[in-house]
Amino acid sequence: MNDPLKYPHWQLPVRDAILEFNARRLSAKVRSAERAIQQRLHALTSETHDFQERQALRDALATLEILKQERKRRAT
């Protein structure tokens, strides 16, 4: 069963990066996901009360950081 993403605009690029096993394509997918997250963060004003999405955005950024660190570790 395929659960629909709650925030597909930025979750799809994050999922694509997480599922990318080709090291050459991973960097571009991580950058794309980070860009989508940053755009969404800028779109959310401080008056927006969607705390769940803000937490999900922070979690996604942390996950992307782990992917980047793992890629660096494997490259050495």
N, C-alpha and C. Protein backbone atom coordinates (compact mmCIF):
# COMPACT_ATOMS: atom_id res chain seq x y z
N MET A 1 0.85 -1.18 0.00
CA MET A 1 0.00 0.00 0.00
C MET A 1 0.89 1.24 0.00
N ASN A 2 0.57 2.18 -0.85
CA ASN A 2 1.37 3.39 -1.00
C ASN A 2 0.68 4.55 -0.30
N ASP A 3 1.26 5.02 0.80
CA ASP A 3 0.68 6.14 1.53
C ASP A 3 0.97 7.44 0.78
N PRO A 4 -0.04 8.28 0.60
CA PRO A 4 0.21 9.57 -0.06
C PRO A 4 1.05 10.46 0.85
N LEU A 5 1.90 11.26 0.23
CA LEU A 5 2.72 12.19 1.00
C LEU A 5 1.86 13.37 1.44
N LYS A 6 2.09 13.81 2.65
CA LYS A 6 1.30 14.92 3.18
C LYS A 6 1.73 16.25 2.57
N TYR A 7 3.03 16.38 2.27
CA TYR A 7 3.58 17.62 1.70
C TYR A 7 4.38 17.27 0.44
N PRO A 8 3.72 16.83 -0.61
CA PRO A 8 4.44 16.29 -1.78
C PRO A 8 5.37 17.28 -2.48
N HIS A 9 5.07 18.57 -2.39
CA HIS A 9 5.91 19.55 -3.10
C HIS A 9 7.38 19.45 -2.71
N TRP A 10 7.63 19.26 -1.43
CA TRP A 10 9.03 19.14 -1.01
C TRP A 10 9.38 17.71 -0.58
N GLN A 11 8.41 16.88 -0.24
CA GLN A 11 8.71 15.51 0.17
C GLN A 11 9.13 14.63 -1.01
N LEU A 12 8.60 14.89 -2.19
CA LEU A 12 9.01 14.08 -3.36
C LEU A 12 10.50 14.23 -3.66
N PRO A 13 11.05 15.46 -3.71
CA PRO A 13 12.49 15.57 -3.95
C PRO A 13 13.32 14.96 -2.82
N VAL A 14 12.83 15.04 -1.58
CA VAL A 14 13.55 14.41 -0.47
C VAL A 14 13.55 12.90 -0.64
N ARG A 15 12.40 12.35 -0.97
CA ARG A 15 12.32 10.90 -1.18
C ARG A 15 13.22 10.46 -2.33
N ASP A 16 13.24 11.25 -3.41
CA ASP A 16 14.12 10.93 -4.54
C ASP A 16 15.58 10.90 -4.12
N ALA A 17 15.98 11.82 -3.27
CA ALA A 17 17.37 11.85 -2.79
C ALA A 17 17.66 10.64 -1.90
N ILE A 18 16.75 10.32 -1.02
CA ILE A 18 16.95 9.20 -0.11
C ILE A 18 17.06 7.89 -0.88
N LEU A 19 16.31 7.76 -1.95
CA LEU A 19 16.29 6.52 -2.72
C LEU A 19 17.35 6.46 -3.81
N GLU A 20 18.16 7.51 -3.95
CA GLU A 20 19.19 7.54 -4.99
C GLU A 20 20.45 6.81 -4.52
N PHE A 21 20.84 5.79 -5.26
CA PHE A 21 22.04 5.03 -4.91
C PHE A 21 23.21 5.34 -5.81
N ASN A 22 22.98 6.09 -6.88
CA ASN A 22 24.06 6.48 -7.77
C ASN A 22 24.72 7.72 -7.19
N ALA A 23 25.99 7.59 -6.82
CA ALA A 23 26.70 8.69 -6.15
C ALA A 23 26.78 9.93 -7.03
N ARG A 24 26.84 9.75 -8.34
CA ARG A 24 26.94 10.90 -9.24
C ARG A 24 25.66 11.72 -9.26
N ARG A 25 24.54 11.06 -9.10
CA ARG A 25 23.25 11.76 -9.13
C ARG A 25 22.79 12.22 -7.75
N LEU A 26 23.37 11.66 -6.71
CA LEU A 26 22.92 11.97 -5.35
C LEU A 26 23.08 13.45 -5.02
N SER A 27 24.21 14.04 -5.33
CA SER A 27 24.44 15.45 -4.99
C SER A 27 23.38 16.36 -5.59
N ALA A 28 23.06 16.13 -6.85
CA ALA A 28 22.05 16.97 -7.52
C ALA A 28 20.69 16.78 -6.87
N LYS A 29 20.36 15.56 -6.51
CA LYS A 29 19.06 15.31 -5.89
C LYS A 29 18.98 15.90 -4.49
N VAL A 30 20.08 15.85 -3.75
CA VAL A 30 20.11 16.47 -2.43
C VAL A 30 19.94 17.98 -2.57
N ARG A 31 20.65 18.59 -3.51
CA ARG A 31 20.50 20.04 -3.72
C ARG A 31 19.07 20.41 -4.11
N SER A 32 18.48 19.61 -4.96
CA SER A 32 17.09 19.86 -5.37
C SER A 32 16.15 19.77 -4.17
N ALA A 33 16.34 18.78 -3.33
CA ALA A 33 15.51 18.62 -2.14
C ALA A 33 15.73 19.78 -1.17
N GLU A 34 16.98 20.18 -0.97
CA GLU A 34 17.25 21.31 -0.07
C GLU A 34 16.61 22.59 -0.60
N ARG A 35 16.66 22.78 -1.91
CA ARG A 35 16.03 23.96 -2.51
C ARG A 35 14.52 23.95 -2.27
N ALA A 36 13.89 22.81 -2.46
CA ALA A 36 12.44 22.70 -2.25
C ALA A 36 12.09 22.99 -0.79
N ILE A 37 12.90 22.49 0.13
CA ILE A 37 12.66 22.72 1.55
C ILE A 37 12.82 24.20 1.88
N GLN A 38 13.90 24.81 1.39
CA GLN A 38 14.13 26.23 1.66
C GLN A 38 13.01 27.10 1.09
N GLN A 39 12.54 26.77 -0.10
CA GLN A 39 11.43 27.53 -0.68
C GLN A 39 10.19 27.43 0.20
N ARG A 40 9.94 26.23 0.70
CA ARG A 40 8.76 26.05 1.56
C ARG A 40 8.92 26.79 2.88
N LEU A 41 10.12 26.74 3.45
CA LEU A 41 10.35 27.46 4.70
C LEU A 41 10.13 28.96 4.51
N HIS A 42 10.56 29.50 3.38
CA HIS A 42 10.35 30.92 3.11
C HIS A 42 8.87 31.23 2.91
N ALA A 43 8.14 30.27 2.35
CA ALA A 43 6.72 30.48 2.11
C ALA A 43 5.92 30.46 3.41
N LEU A 44 6.40 29.71 4.36
CA LEU A 44 5.72 29.65 5.66
C LEU A 44 6.07 30.90 6.45
N THR A 45 5.10 31.67 6.80
CA THR A 45 5.36 32.86 7.60
C THR A 45 5.40 32.47 9.06
N SER A 46 5.91 33.33 9.87
CA SER A 46 5.95 33.05 11.30
C SER A 46 4.55 32.96 11.90
N GLU A 47 3.58 33.48 11.19
CA GLU A 47 2.20 33.42 11.68
C GLU A 47 1.51 32.12 11.31
N THR A 48 2.14 31.33 10.44
CA THR A 48 1.57 30.04 10.06
C THR A 48 1.72 29.10 11.24
N HIS A 49 0.67 28.39 11.54
CA HIS A 49 0.69 27.53 12.73
C HIS A 49 0.81 26.06 12.37
N ASP A 50 1.41 25.75 11.25
CA ASP A 50 1.57 24.36 10.86
C ASP A 50 2.87 23.81 11.46
N PHE A 51 2.82 23.53 12.76
CA PHE A 51 4.00 23.06 13.47
C PHE A 51 4.44 21.69 12.98
N GLN A 52 3.49 20.86 12.57
CA GLN A 52 3.85 19.52 12.07
C GLN A 52 4.68 19.62 10.81
N GLU A 53 4.31 20.52 9.90
CA GLU A 53 5.10 20.66 8.68
C GLU A 53 6.47 21.24 8.99
N ARG A 54 6.54 22.21 9.87
CA ARG A 54 7.85 22.77 10.24
C ARG A 54 8.76 21.68 10.82
N GLN A 55 8.23 20.82 11.66
CA GLN A 55 9.02 19.73 12.23
C GLN A 55 9.44 18.76 11.13
N ALA A 56 8.53 18.47 10.23
CA ALA A 56 8.85 17.57 9.12
C ALA A 56 9.94 18.17 8.23
N LEU A 57 9.91 19.47 8.03
CA LEU A 57 10.95 20.15 7.25
C LEU A 57 12.31 20.05 7.96
N ARG A 58 12.32 20.26 9.26
CA ARG A 58 13.58 20.14 10.02
C ARG A 58 14.11 18.72 9.96
N ASP A 59 13.21 17.75 10.10
CA ASP A 59 13.62 16.35 10.03
C ASP A 59 14.19 16.01 8.65
N ALA A 60 13.56 16.53 7.62
CA ALA A 60 14.04 16.27 6.25
C ALA A 60 15.42 16.87 6.04
N LEU A 61 15.64 18.09 6.53
CA LEU A 61 16.96 18.70 6.41
C LEU A 61 18.01 17.88 7.14
N ALA A 62 17.68 17.37 8.31
CA ALA A 62 18.61 16.53 9.06
C ALA A 62 18.92 15.25 8.30
N THR A 63 17.92 14.67 7.69
CA THR A 63 18.12 13.46 6.90
C THR A 63 19.03 13.72 5.72
N LEU A 64 18.83 14.84 5.03
CA LEU A 64 19.69 15.19 3.90
C LEU A 64 21.13 15.42 4.35
N GLU A 65 21.29 16.01 5.52
CA GLU A 65 22.64 16.23 6.05
C GLU A 65 23.33 14.89 6.31
N ILE A 66 22.61 13.93 6.82
CA ILE A 66 23.16 12.59 7.05
C ILE A 66 23.56 11.96 5.72
N LEU A 67 22.73 12.11 4.70
CA LEU A 67 23.08 11.59 3.37
C LEU A 67 24.37 12.21 2.86
N LYS A 68 24.52 13.52 3.03
CA LYS A 68 25.74 14.19 2.57
C LYS A 68 26.97 13.70 3.33
N GLN A 69 26.83 13.56 4.64
CA GLN A 69 27.95 13.09 5.45
C GLN A 69 28.34 11.66 5.08
N GLU A 70 27.33 10.82 4.85
CA GLU A 70 27.59 9.44 4.47
C GLU A 70 28.29 9.38 3.11
N ARG A 71 27.88 10.23 2.21
CA ARG A 71 28.53 10.27 0.89
C ARG A 71 29.99 10.69 1.03
N LYS A 72 30.26 11.68 1.86
CA LYS A 72 31.65 12.11 2.08
C LYS A 72 32.46 10.99 2.69
N ARG A 73 31.87 10.28 3.66
CA ARG A 73 32.59 9.21 4.33
C ARG A 73 32.96 8.10 3.35
N ARG A 74 32.05 7.78 2.46
CA ARG A 74 32.30 6.72 1.47
C ARG A 74 33.32 7.14 0.43
N ALA A 75 33.42 8.45 0.18
CA ALA A 75 34.35 8.95 -0.82
C ALA A 75 35.80 8.90 -0.33
N THR A 76 35.99 8.82 0.97
CA THR A 76 37.36 8.80 1.49
C THR A 76 37.88 7.41 1.71
